[in-house]
């Protein structure tokens, strides 16, 4: 995704959902996978960190 450096976390979540049409966590997960490309890059770390934040927020119990 181009322009990711200029996005706030909130804007990134909305942009991901607009692009992938899923819930926030799933949309950000897609962006994380797209950014990986086999190497650890700053864009990947941005999306992965945001994914972890969303996943931890939604985590309840052992599931």
Protein backbone atom coordinates (compact mmCIF):
# COMPACT_ATOMS: atom_id res chain seq x y z
CA UNK A 1 0.00 0.00 0.00
CA UNK A 2 1.51 3.31 -0.99
CA UNK A 3 1.57 6.22 1.40
CA UNK A 4 1.47 4.06 4.53
CA UNK A 5 4.09 6.26 6.23
CA UNK A 6 1.67 9.19 6.24
CA UNK A 7 -1.17 7.28 7.90
CA UNK A 8 -2.09 7.43 11.55
CA UNK A 9 -3.05 4.08 13.04
CA UNK A 10 -6.72 5.01 12.88
CA UNK A 11 -6.42 6.11 9.24
CA UNK A 12 -4.52 2.93 8.40
CA UNK A 13 -7.31 0.79 9.83
CA UNK A 14 -9.93 2.64 7.78
CA UNK A 15 -7.79 2.46 4.64
CA UNK A 16 -7.24 -1.28 5.09
CA UNK A 17 -10.96 -1.90 5.61
CA UNK A 18 -11.82 0.20 2.54
CA UNK A 19 -9.34 -1.76 0.44
CA UNK A 20 -10.18 -5.26 1.65
CA UNK A 21 -13.80 -4.91 2.75
CA UNK A 22 -13.37 -6.99 5.89
CA UNK A 23 -13.41 -6.27 9.61
CA UNK A 24 -10.52 -4.14 10.88
CA UNK A 25 -8.30 -6.95 12.15
CA UNK A 26 -8.69 -9.08 9.02
CA UNK A 27 -8.11 -6.11 6.72
CA UNK A 28 -4.94 -5.14 8.56
CA UNK A 29 -3.80 -8.79 8.44
CA UNK A 30 -4.12 -8.69 4.64
CA UNK A 31 -2.04 -5.52 4.53
CA UNK A 32 0.55 -7.19 6.76
CA UNK A 33 0.83 -10.16 4.41
CA UNK A 34 1.05 -7.92 1.35
CA UNK A 35 3.84 -5.89 2.94
CA UNK A 36 5.96 -8.88 3.99
CA UNK A 37 7.25 -10.09 0.59
CA UNK A 38 9.73 -12.45 2.22
CA UNK A 39 11.72 -9.85 4.11
CA UNK A 40 11.26 -7.78 7.26
CA UNK A 41 10.70 -4.21 6.05
CA UNK A 42 9.50 -1.05 7.82
CA UNK A 43 6.11 -1.26 6.08
CA UNK A 44 5.69 -4.85 7.28
CA UNK A 45 6.60 -3.87 10.86
CA UNK A 46 4.06 -1.01 10.75
CA UNK A 47 1.20 -3.27 9.63
CA UNK A 48 2.24 -6.18 11.85
CA UNK A 49 2.40 -3.95 14.93
CA UNK A 50 -1.03 -2.58 14.13
CA UNK A 51 -2.36 -6.11 13.60
CA UNK A 52 -1.02 -7.22 16.99
CA UNK A 53 -2.61 -4.21 18.66
CA UNK A 54 -6.00 -5.02 17.13
CA UNK A 55 -5.71 -8.75 17.79
CA UNK A 56 -4.82 -8.21 21.45
CA UNK A 57 -7.69 -5.78 21.86
CA UNK A 58 -10.16 -8.34 20.55
CA UNK A 59 -8.67 -11.34 22.37
CA UNK A 60 -10.90 -12.81 25.06
CA UNK A 61 -10.05 -15.89 27.09
CA UNK A 62 -8.21 -18.80 25.52
CA UNK A 63 -9.72 -18.43 22.06
